[in-house]
């Protein structure tokens, strides 16, 4: 059974940075596309970014483009989300999720395509 564990969340001031990590265990992580999603209570889950299993394909939501970067280190079975120039509206519970797609060059943008989920890490941007 594939397991994902997020870490790196916390409280940061506007304009600050955080790096989220998603550690994948239970199977070879480079067979999976990984997505990052976020959710605020009372709102729909929002796709933030994703990276294909090959790492050749990435996607960013318009709201984070130019501020966030996704990358993966398959030797460490870890996918990272570097978040810079954080804004209060980035405050949310951030989840990583995995979709089985070996040697894929694209990643799904819809959260319904992902079969495996972590429990989330809270990001709060506030002064």
Foldseek 3Di string as FASTA:
>chain_A
DKAWAKDWADEAAQQAKIKMKIAIDDDQLLQKKKWKWWDDPPDDIATAKIAHSVRQEMDGDPVQPPFWDWDDDSVRNMIMIIGGSDDQVVWTWMKMFIARHHPDGYDDRDPVRTDYIYPTDTHGYHD
